[in-house]
Amino acid sequence: MPLFYRTIPRRVKSDRLLGPNHPDVRGTRTQLAEADSAVAAEINRVVAATAADVRAGRDRVATLQQNLADEQSTVQKDSQSQVPLNAMLRDMDASRSLLQAVLERLQQTAQQSAIEAPDAHEISLALPPDHPIFPRTGPIMGAAVAFGVVFGLLMVYLSEIADTSFRSGEDIRSALNLPCLALIPRVTRRTLQGMSVEEYAARKPLSAFAEQLRALRAGLSLWPDRPRIVAVTAAHPKEGKTTVTRALGRLAAMNGERVIVVDCDIRHQSNSGSAWTDPKPGLVEYLRERAALTDIIQKDTASGMDSIACGASEANALGLLMSVTMAQMLQTLREDYDLVLLDTPPAEAITDARIVAGLADATLFCVRWRGTSRHVALHALELLEEAHANIVGAALTQVDVNVHVRSGYADSEVYHPRYGAYFRE
């Protein structure tokens, strides 16, 4: 930017000498003002020219950007249009190649048919078969049935080998070396119709259940020593010993015998909560000398059987059962009753059962049908024999009549339908 300078006359004399209103001072000031105005005008002119150049440059940039955007849009449209065109070109090339290959193959086939003569000729019509050749359904089904039968028999045989429970009186005689006095059948809830099992035995004296109880009583009475005090025990809980004890006592009482049932399971009070047991003092109170014998005996009005409940739960059951009072009570009951049944706890885990079995004249061992394993029953018998218990026999309890009849065992004959005229459910 060109700058113009105007020569400013040098002050010859100081303002102090000439004064502010001196003509030279005024002229100098005027020249200075004119120089400043010229500089400002030149600056404004240069700024205006520069701003005009900037606006022109911006307009050119905007124009170029618009042109660039238009060109890019055109290129993008061209690219999009080129895509289907390229696909069509590729398809055309592929079709051309395929057509060329087909034409060449047709030409080769025509030339070969003209040179070679066919060796094949028609022998018979290609008719559909009457039956499929494979798979051969008949032989395969026969083989499958045979395999299923053999496999089923093998599984039954293996399950029989693995089953160590008692399934008949023969198993009890062979494994335990004890006579099987009775096969007590299982009574379903539908048959009971709201009654307890001991009530069912009393109300249905002609049933198969009552007949097996009579067989059990006969087996006990036919023993040479004719025991009066019989302890009923089992290896496990839920073997049916309590039910057998009460039902046997009721049935014997209805036959005219003087019978009393004593609940010796004084650690477990559930046995004392039957329908024919009133909330009175029991065996524990008598052994503690808190009640007399006449106070703890209860009468079953339906059958005439007497009973003694276990009373209050007692932790020191062993000491009470081994006391002199217990032995004296059993001696008194021996003189007053024809049959004294002692309901004991399980012999496998509870020591009280061995003590009571040692005090009794005989011990009846209850075994649940297809429930008690042989090694457990043998171990329980060993414990009872060590306590000097006189084990006179066993009873197979909770027998499923329908299954046992089909088993083929000799003692299943007692449940055969041919004897149905003798029983009344």
Protein backbone atom coordinates (compact mmCIF):
# COMPACT_ATOMS: atom_id res chain seq x y z
CA MET A 1 0.00 0.00 0.00
CA PRO A 2 1.68 3.24 -1.12
CA LEU A 3 2.12 5.84 1.55
CA PHE A 4 2.33 9.50 0.78
CA TYR A 5 4.20 11.78 3.08
CA ARG A 6 4.07 15.47 3.05
CA THR A 7 7.10 17.37 4.17
CA ILE A 8 6.42 19.08 7.41
CA PRO A 9 8.49 22.23 7.84
CA ARG A 10 10.81 22.04 10.78
CA ARG A 11 10.02 24.30 13.53
CA VAL A 12 12.50 27.07 13.56
CA LYS A 13 11.54 28.28 16.92
CA SER A 14 9.97 26.66 19.93
CA ASP A 15 6.32 27.19 20.81
CA ARG A 16 7.47 28.78 23.93
CA LEU A 17 9.07 31.52 21.78
CA LEU A 18 6.37 31.89 19.09
CA GLY A 19 3.12 31.19 21.01
CA PRO A 20 0.03 29.24 19.97
CA ASN A 21 -1.42 31.95 17.73
CA HIS A 22 1.68 32.61 15.75
CA PRO A 23 1.11 32.21 12.02
CA ASP A 24 3.87 29.62 11.69
CA VAL A 25 2.37 27.52 14.48
CA ARG A 26 -1.06 27.70 12.91
CA GLY A 27 0.30 26.78 9.49
CA THR A 28 2.13 23.83 10.95
CA ARG A 29 -0.98 22.61 12.66
CA THR A 30 -2.98 22.94 9.48
CA GLN A 31 -0.39 20.95 7.54
CA LEU A 32 -0.43 18.24 10.23
CA ALA A 33 -4.23 17.96 10.08
CA GLU A 34 -4.18 17.69 6.31
CA ALA A 35 -1.55 14.95 6.52
CA ASP A 36 -3.68 12.98 9.02
CA SER A 37 -6.76 13.33 6.80
CA ALA A 38 -4.78 12.13 3.78
CA VAL A 39 -3.50 9.10 5.73
CA ALA A 40 -7.02 8.23 6.96
CA ALA A 41 -8.47 8.56 3.44
CA GLU A 42 -5.74 6.35 2.03
CA ILE A 43 -6.37 3.76 4.75
CA ASN A 44 -10.11 3.75 4.07
CA ARG A 45 -9.51 3.38 0.36
CA VAL A 46 -7.14 0.43 0.91
CA VAL A 47 -9.57 -1.27 3.36
CA ALA A 48 -12.46 -0.83 0.92
CA ALA A 49 -10.41 -2.32 -1.91
CA THR A 50 -9.36 -5.24 0.28
CA ALA A 51 -12.98 -5.91 1.42
CA ALA A 52 -14.09 -5.89 -2.22
CA ASP A 53 -11.38 -8.44 -3.05
CA VAL A 54 -12.49 -10.63 -0.11
CA ARG A 55 -16.14 -10.59 -1.21
CA ALA A 56 -15.16 -11.47 -4.72
CA GLY A 57 -13.00 -14.32 -3.43
CA ARG A 58 -15.83 -15.64 -1.29
CA ASP A 59 -18.22 -15.54 -4.20
CA ARG A 60 -15.74 -17.52 -6.30
CA VAL A 61 -15.29 -20.08 -3.48
CA ALA A 62 -19.09 -20.52 -3.13
CA THR A 63 -19.38 -20.95 -6.87
CA LEU A 64 -16.61 -23.54 -6.91
CA GLN A 65 -18.17 -25.44 -3.98
CA GLN A 66 -21.55 -25.51 -5.72
CA ASN A 67 -19.88 -26.76 -8.90
CA LEU A 68 -18.05 -29.42 -6.87
CA ALA A 69 -21.28 -30.58 -5.20
CA ASP A 70 -23.04 -30.76 -8.56
CA GLU A 71 -20.20 -32.76 -10.04
CA GLN A 72 -20.18 -35.14 -7.04
CA SER A 73 -23.92 -35.66 -7.33
CA THR A 74 -23.53 -36.38 -11.01
CA VAL A 75 -20.74 -38.86 -10.33
CA GLN A 76 -22.83 -40.60 -7.63
CA LYS A 77 -25.81 -40.90 -9.93
CA ASP A 78 -23.56 -42.28 -12.63
CA SER A 79 -22.12 -44.83 -10.18
CA GLN A 80 -25.60 -45.95 -9.08
CA SER A 81 -26.68 -46.31 -12.64
CA GLN A 82 -23.54 -48.28 -13.42
CA VAL A 83 -24.33 -50.99 -10.79
CA PRO A 84 -27.34 -52.60 -12.55
CA LEU A 85 -25.55 -52.14 -15.83
CA ASN A 86 -22.55 -54.08 -14.53
CA ALA A 87 -24.87 -56.81 -13.18
CA MET A 88 -26.59 -57.06 -16.54
CA LEU A 89 -23.24 -57.28 -18.27
CA ARG A 90 -22.14 -60.11 -15.96
CA ASP A 91 -25.42 -61.97 -16.53
CA MET A 92 -24.99 -61.48 -20.23
CA ASP A 93 -21.47 -62.89 -20.11
CA ALA A 94 -22.63 -65.88 -18.04
CA SER A 95 -25.54 -66.56 -20.39
CA ARG A 96 -23.27 -66.28 -23.36
CA SER A 97 -20.83 -68.77 -21.82
CA LEU A 98 -23.66 -71.17 -20.91
CA LEU A 99 -25.16 -70.92 -24.35
CA GLN A 100 -21.78 -71.52 -25.91
CA ALA A 101 -21.27 -74.62 -23.75
CA VAL A 102 -24.74 -75.95 -24.64
CA LEU A 103 -24.12 -75.42 -28.30
CA GLU A 104 -20.80 -77.19 -28.12
CA ARG A 105 -22.42 -80.09 -26.24
CA LEU A 106 -25.19 -80.34 -28.81
CA GLN A 107 -22.66 -80.38 -31.58
CA GLN A 108 -20.65 -83.13 -29.87
CA THR A 109 -23.81 -85.17 -29.27
CA ALA A 110 -24.87 -84.84 -32.89
CA GLN A 111 -21.47 -85.91 -34.12
CA GLN A 112 -21.34 -88.86 -31.68
CA SER A 113 -24.82 -90.11 -32.64
CA ALA A 114 -23.79 -89.96 -36.26
CA ILE A 115 -20.62 -92.00 -35.63
CA GLU A 116 -21.74 -94.55 -32.96
CA ALA A 117 -24.68 -96.91 -33.09
CA PRO A 118 -26.51 -97.71 -29.76
CA ASP A 119 -25.80 -101.18 -28.25
CA ALA A 120 -28.79 -101.15 -25.82
CA HIS A 121 -32.24 -102.46 -26.67
CA GLU A 122 -35.45 -102.83 -24.69
CA ILE A 123 -35.92 -106.15 -22.91
CA SER A 124 -38.99 -105.54 -20.66
CA LEU A 125 -41.16 -102.74 -19.41
CA ALA A 126 -40.07 -100.86 -16.28
CA LEU A 127 -43.18 -101.63 -14.19
CA PRO A 128 -43.44 -100.62 -10.46
CA PRO A 129 -42.92 -103.58 -8.03
CA ASP A 130 -45.84 -105.09 -6.10
CA HIS A 131 -44.05 -104.79 -2.70
CA PRO A 132 -40.93 -102.96 -1.51
CA ILE A 133 -37.69 -104.89 -1.63
CA PHE A 134 -36.22 -103.05 1.37
CA PRO A 135 -36.87 -102.73 4.24
CA ARG A 136 -38.26 -106.23 4.76
CA THR A 137 -40.93 -105.46 7.34
CA GLY A 138 -41.82 -109.03 8.29
CA PRO A 139 -38.35 -110.31 9.22
CA ILE A 140 -37.43 -107.05 10.89
CA MET A 141 -40.61 -107.04 13.05
CA GLY A 142 -40.04 -110.67 13.97
CA ALA A 143 -36.46 -109.99 14.99
CA ALA A 144 -37.54 -106.92 16.97
CA VAL A 145 -40.21 -108.90 18.85
CA ALA A 146 -37.75 -111.69 19.62
CA PHE A 147 -35.15 -109.20 20.83
CA GLY A 148 -37.73 -107.43 22.99
CA VAL A 149 -38.83 -110.70 24.60
CA VAL A 150 -35.26 -111.80 25.28
CA PHE A 151 -34.27 -108.39 26.59
CA GLY A 152 -37.36 -108.23 28.81
CA LEU A 153 -36.68 -111.66 30.25
CA LEU A 154 -33.07 -110.67 30.87
CA MET A 155 -34.13 -107.50 32.69
CA VAL A 156 -36.63 -109.47 34.79
CA TYR A 157 -33.93 -111.99 35.64
CA LEU A 158 -31.49 -109.25 36.62
CA SER A 159 -34.11 -107.47 38.73
CA GLU A 160 -34.91 -110.76 40.47
CA ILE A 161 -31.25 -111.28 41.24
CA ALA A 162 -30.83 -107.71 42.52
CA ASP A 163 -33.99 -107.90 44.68
CA THR A 164 -32.98 -109.05 48.18
CA SER A 165 -36.37 -108.56 49.78
CA PHE A 166 -38.77 -111.27 50.93
CA ARG A 167 -41.47 -112.22 48.44
CA SER A 168 -42.92 -115.40 49.95
CA GLY A 169 -42.89 -117.62 52.98
CA GLU A 170 -40.33 -119.79 51.24
CA ASP A 171 -37.87 -116.86 51.25
CA ILE A 172 -38.38 -116.44 55.02
CA ARG A 173 -37.80 -120.14 55.69
CA SER A 174 -34.70 -120.32 53.51
CA ALA A 175 -33.09 -117.00 54.49
CA LEU A 176 -34.10 -116.63 58.16
CA ASN A 177 -34.57 -120.31 59.04
CA LEU A 178 -37.90 -119.42 60.66
CA PRO A 179 -41.40 -120.71 60.00
CA CYS A 180 -43.68 -118.26 58.21
CA LEU A 181 -46.82 -118.29 60.37
CA ALA A 182 -48.97 -116.04 58.18
CA LEU A 183 -49.08 -113.89 55.05
CA ILE A 184 -50.93 -110.76 56.18
CA PRO A 185 -52.50 -109.11 53.10
CA ARG A 186 -52.46 -105.39 52.44
CA VAL A 187 -55.87 -103.77 52.95
CA THR A 188 -56.52 -100.79 50.67
CA ARG A 189 -58.27 -97.61 51.72
CA ARG A 190 -61.12 -98.40 49.39
CA THR A 191 -61.68 -101.69 51.20
CA LEU A 192 -61.39 -100.08 54.65
CA GLN A 193 -64.03 -97.42 53.83
CA GLY A 194 -62.87 -95.13 56.63
CA MET A 195 -62.20 -97.89 59.20
CA SER A 196 -58.86 -98.64 60.80
CA VAL A 197 -57.19 -101.94 59.98
CA GLU A 198 -57.86 -103.42 63.44
CA GLU A 199 -61.51 -102.37 63.17
CA TYR A 200 -61.67 -104.02 59.76
CA ALA A 201 -60.39 -107.29 61.23
CA ALA A 202 -63.08 -107.16 63.94
CA ARG A 203 -65.97 -106.19 61.63
CA LYS A 204 -64.97 -108.51 58.78
CA PRO A 205 -64.15 -111.80 60.54
CA LEU A 206 -64.62 -113.77 57.30
CA SER A 207 -62.12 -111.72 55.27
CA ALA A 208 -58.78 -113.02 54.05
CA PHE A 209 -57.08 -110.57 56.41
CA ALA A 210 -58.88 -112.03 59.44
CA GLU A 211 -58.16 -115.58 58.24
CA GLN A 212 -54.41 -114.89 58.15
CA LEU A 213 -54.61 -113.44 61.67
CA ARG A 214 -56.29 -116.65 62.79
CA ALA A 215 -53.49 -118.58 61.10
CA LEU A 216 -50.99 -116.46 63.02
CA ARG A 217 -52.78 -117.11 66.30
CA ALA A 218 -52.91 -120.81 65.53
CA GLY A 219 -49.18 -120.86 64.81
CA LEU A 220 -48.47 -119.24 68.19
CA SER A 221 -50.83 -121.48 70.12
CA LEU A 222 -49.52 -124.66 68.49
CA TRP A 223 -46.00 -123.94 69.68
CA PRO A 224 -44.92 -126.64 72.16
CA ASP A 225 -44.50 -124.24 75.11
CA ARG A 226 -47.76 -122.42 74.21
CA PRO A 227 -46.38 -118.95 75.04
CA ARG A 228 -48.64 -116.43 76.72
CA ILE A 229 -46.45 -113.34 76.53
CA VAL A 230 -45.56 -112.64 72.90
CA ALA A 231 -43.40 -109.72 71.81
CA VAL A 232 -44.11 -108.45 68.30
CA THR A 233 -41.19 -106.67 66.66
CA ALA A 234 -39.64 -105.90 63.27
CA ALA A 235 -36.36 -104.66 61.84
CA HIS A 236 -37.63 -101.33 60.51
CA PRO A 237 -40.47 -98.94 61.29
CA LYS A 238 -43.55 -99.09 59.03
CA GLU A 239 -43.37 -102.87 58.81
CA GLY A 240 -46.94 -103.32 60.10
CA LYS A 241 -46.09 -104.80 63.51
CA THR A 242 -48.34 -102.43 65.47
CA THR A 243 -51.27 -103.07 63.15
CA VAL A 244 -50.74 -106.82 63.35
CA THR A 245 -50.49 -106.67 67.15
CA ARG A 246 -53.75 -104.76 67.64
CA ALA A 247 -55.67 -106.66 64.98
CA LEU A 248 -54.47 -110.01 66.37
CA GLY A 249 -55.45 -108.95 69.88
CA ARG A 250 -58.93 -107.92 68.82
CA LEU A 251 -59.54 -111.08 66.83
CA ALA A 252 -58.30 -113.30 69.69
CA ALA A 253 -60.51 -111.44 72.15
CA MET A 254 -63.52 -111.93 69.88
CA ASN A 255 -62.73 -115.66 69.89
CA GLY A 256 -63.21 -115.71 73.67
CA GLU A 257 -59.64 -115.33 74.88
CA ARG A 258 -58.55 -112.91 77.56
CA VAL A 259 -56.17 -110.66 75.66
CA ILE A 260 -54.24 -107.53 76.58
CA VAL A 261 -52.00 -105.44 74.31
CA VAL A 262 -49.17 -103.49 75.93
CA ASP A 263 -47.56 -100.64 74.00
CA CYS A 264 -43.88 -100.90 74.96
CA ASP A 265 -42.69 -98.27 72.48
CA ILE A 266 -42.46 -95.65 75.21
CA ARG A 267 -40.14 -93.39 73.21
CA HIS A 268 -42.72 -92.93 70.47
CA GLN A 269 -46.12 -91.66 71.52
CA SER A 270 -47.88 -91.97 68.17
CA ASN A 271 -48.73 -95.59 68.88
CA SER A 272 -50.81 -94.54 71.87
CA GLY A 273 -53.06 -92.29 69.83
CA SER A 274 -55.35 -94.98 68.37
CA ALA A 275 -59.10 -94.77 68.31
CA TRP A 276 -59.56 -97.24 71.22
CA THR A 277 -57.01 -95.64 73.56
CA ASP A 278 -58.24 -92.97 75.98
CA PRO A 279 -55.92 -90.26 77.34
CA LYS A 280 -55.12 -92.07 80.59
CA PRO A 281 -51.91 -92.92 82.42
CA GLY A 282 -49.90 -95.63 80.72
CA LEU A 283 -46.95 -97.95 81.08
CA VAL A 284 -44.48 -95.18 81.95
CA GLU A 285 -46.63 -93.94 84.85
CA TYR A 286 -46.97 -97.49 86.19
CA LEU A 287 -43.23 -98.18 85.99
CA ARG A 288 -42.64 -94.83 87.70
CA GLU A 289 -45.06 -96.01 90.39
CA ARG A 290 -47.33 -93.07 89.75
CA ALA A 291 -50.35 -95.20 88.85
CA ALA A 292 -51.72 -98.62 89.72
CA LEU A 293 -52.10 -101.41 87.20
CA THR A 294 -55.87 -101.19 87.27
CA ASP A 295 -55.65 -97.47 86.44
CA ILE A 296 -53.71 -97.95 83.21
CA ILE A 297 -55.72 -100.85 81.74
CA GLN A 298 -58.25 -99.73 79.14
CA LYS A 299 -61.13 -101.79 77.75
CA ASP A 300 -62.10 -102.03 74.08
CA THR A 301 -65.86 -102.32 74.21
CA ALA A 302 -66.16 -103.58 70.61
CA SER A 303 -64.04 -106.71 71.10
CA GLY A 304 -63.47 -107.01 74.87
CA MET A 305 -59.71 -106.64 74.51
CA ASP A 306 -57.72 -104.82 77.18
CA SER A 307 -54.83 -102.52 76.39
CA ILE A 308 -52.12 -100.49 78.10
CA ALA A 309 -50.86 -97.35 76.37
CA CYS A 310 -47.24 -96.28 76.54
CA GLY A 311 -48.05 -93.14 78.51
CA ALA A 312 -45.80 -90.11 78.60
CA SER A 313 -42.62 -90.10 76.54
CA GLU A 314 -39.62 -91.25 78.51
CA ALA A 315 -35.95 -90.83 77.59
CA ASN A 316 -34.79 -93.44 80.16
CA ALA A 317 -36.87 -96.16 78.57
CA LEU A 318 -34.20 -98.82 78.93
CA GLY A 319 -33.99 -98.45 82.70
CA LEU A 320 -37.76 -98.68 83.10
CA LEU A 321 -38.08 -101.77 80.91
CA MET A 322 -35.26 -103.52 82.81
CA SER A 323 -36.75 -102.71 86.19
CA VAL A 324 -38.22 -105.23 88.63
CA THR A 325 -41.59 -103.51 88.29
CA MET A 326 -41.72 -104.44 84.60
CA ALA A 327 -41.00 -108.10 85.34
CA GLN A 328 -43.62 -108.16 88.11
CA MET A 329 -46.22 -106.57 85.81
CA LEU A 330 -45.61 -109.21 83.13
CA GLN A 331 -45.95 -111.97 85.72
CA THR A 332 -49.26 -110.51 86.86
CA LEU A 333 -50.53 -110.24 83.30
CA ARG A 334 -49.43 -113.85 82.64
CA GLU A 335 -51.72 -115.02 85.45
CA ASP A 336 -54.68 -112.83 84.46
CA TYR A 337 -54.70 -113.21 80.64
CA ASP A 338 -54.49 -115.97 78.08
CA LEU A 339 -52.48 -113.85 75.62
CA VAL A 340 -50.28 -110.84 76.35
CA LEU A 341 -49.07 -109.03 73.23
CA LEU A 342 -46.14 -106.62 73.62
CA ASP A 343 -45.83 -104.05 70.86
CA THR A 344 -42.11 -103.20 70.74
CA PRO A 345 -40.05 -100.64 68.79
CA PRO A 346 -37.92 -101.69 65.78
CA ALA A 347 -35.18 -104.10 66.81
CA GLU A 348 -32.53 -102.93 64.35
CA ALA A 349 -31.92 -99.50 65.88
CA ILE A 350 -33.77 -99.41 69.23
CA THR A 351 -32.37 -101.37 72.19
CA ASP A 352 -35.73 -101.42 74.00
CA ALA A 353 -37.03 -104.08 71.58
CA ARG A 354 -34.29 -106.52 72.59
CA ILE A 355 -35.01 -106.03 76.30
CA VAL A 356 -38.74 -106.59 75.87
CA ALA A 357 -38.15 -109.60 73.59
CA GLY A 358 -35.89 -111.11 76.26
CA LEU A 359 -38.66 -110.73 78.87
CA ALA A 360 -41.34 -112.34 76.70
CA ASP A 361 -42.05 -116.05 76.31
CA ALA A 362 -41.84 -115.80 72.52
CA THR A 363 -41.06 -113.24 69.86
CA LEU A 364 -42.88 -112.78 66.56
CA PHE A 365 -40.77 -111.16 63.84
CA CYS A 366 -42.68 -109.11 61.24
CA VAL A 367 -41.21 -108.76 57.76
CA ARG A 368 -42.67 -106.44 55.14
CA TRP A 369 -43.37 -108.09 51.79
CA ARG A 370 -40.92 -106.79 49.18
CA GLY A 371 -39.79 -104.10 51.60
CA THR A 372 -37.27 -105.51 54.06
CA SER A 373 -33.88 -106.57 52.75
CA ARG A 374 -32.49 -109.92 53.81
CA HIS A 375 -29.24 -108.70 55.34
CA VAL A 376 -31.11 -106.19 57.52
CA ALA A 377 -33.54 -108.85 58.73
CA LEU A 378 -30.69 -111.25 59.49
CA HIS A 379 -28.84 -108.60 61.44
CA ALA A 380 -31.96 -107.76 63.48
CA LEU A 381 -32.46 -111.46 64.27
CA GLU A 382 -28.85 -111.72 65.40
CA LEU A 383 -29.41 -108.82 67.80
CA LEU A 384 -32.55 -110.47 69.18
CA GLU A 385 -30.79 -113.80 69.62
CA GLU A 386 -27.98 -112.07 71.48
CA ALA A 387 -30.65 -110.75 73.86
CA HIS A 388 -31.80 -114.38 74.38
CA ALA A 389 -35.12 -113.80 72.68
CA ASN A 390 -37.16 -116.89 71.78
CA ILE A 391 -38.05 -116.18 68.15
CA VAL A 392 -40.82 -118.63 67.27
CA GLY A 393 -41.65 -117.45 63.77
CA ALA A 394 -42.18 -114.63 61.31
CA ALA A 395 -45.15 -113.01 59.62
CA LEU A 396 -44.99 -111.57 56.11
CA THR A 397 -46.96 -108.31 56.23
CA GLN A 398 -48.54 -105.97 53.67
CA VAL A 399 -48.68 -108.61 50.94
CA ASP A 400 -50.14 -107.45 47.62
CA VAL A 401 -52.61 -110.23 46.98
CA ASN A 402 -52.97 -109.70 43.22
CA VAL A 403 -49.23 -109.64 42.59
CA HIS A 404 -48.53 -112.56 44.91
CA VAL A 405 -51.14 -114.76 43.20
CA ARG A 406 -49.40 -114.26 39.85
CA SER A 407 -45.94 -114.92 41.30
CA GLY A 408 -46.29 -118.71 41.20
CA TYR A 409 -45.06 -119.33 44.77
CA ALA A 410 -46.59 -122.26 46.63
CA ASP A 411 -48.07 -120.12 49.41
CA SER A 412 -49.85 -117.88 46.88
CA GLU A 413 -52.51 -120.59 46.76
CA VAL A 414 -54.14 -119.12 49.89
CA TYR A 415 -55.25 -116.10 47.84
CA HIS A 416 -56.46 -118.02 44.79
CA PRO A 417 -59.92 -117.03 43.56
CA ARG A 418 -61.10 -120.63 43.95
CA TYR A 419 -61.28 -120.01 47.69
CA GLY A 420 -63.45 -116.95 47.25
CA ALA A 421 -66.52 -118.72 48.64
CA TYR A 422 -64.82 -118.97 52.03
CA PHE A 423 -64.17 -115.24 52.40
CA ARG A 424 -66.44 -112.24 52.75
CA GLU A 425 -64.86 -108.83 52.36
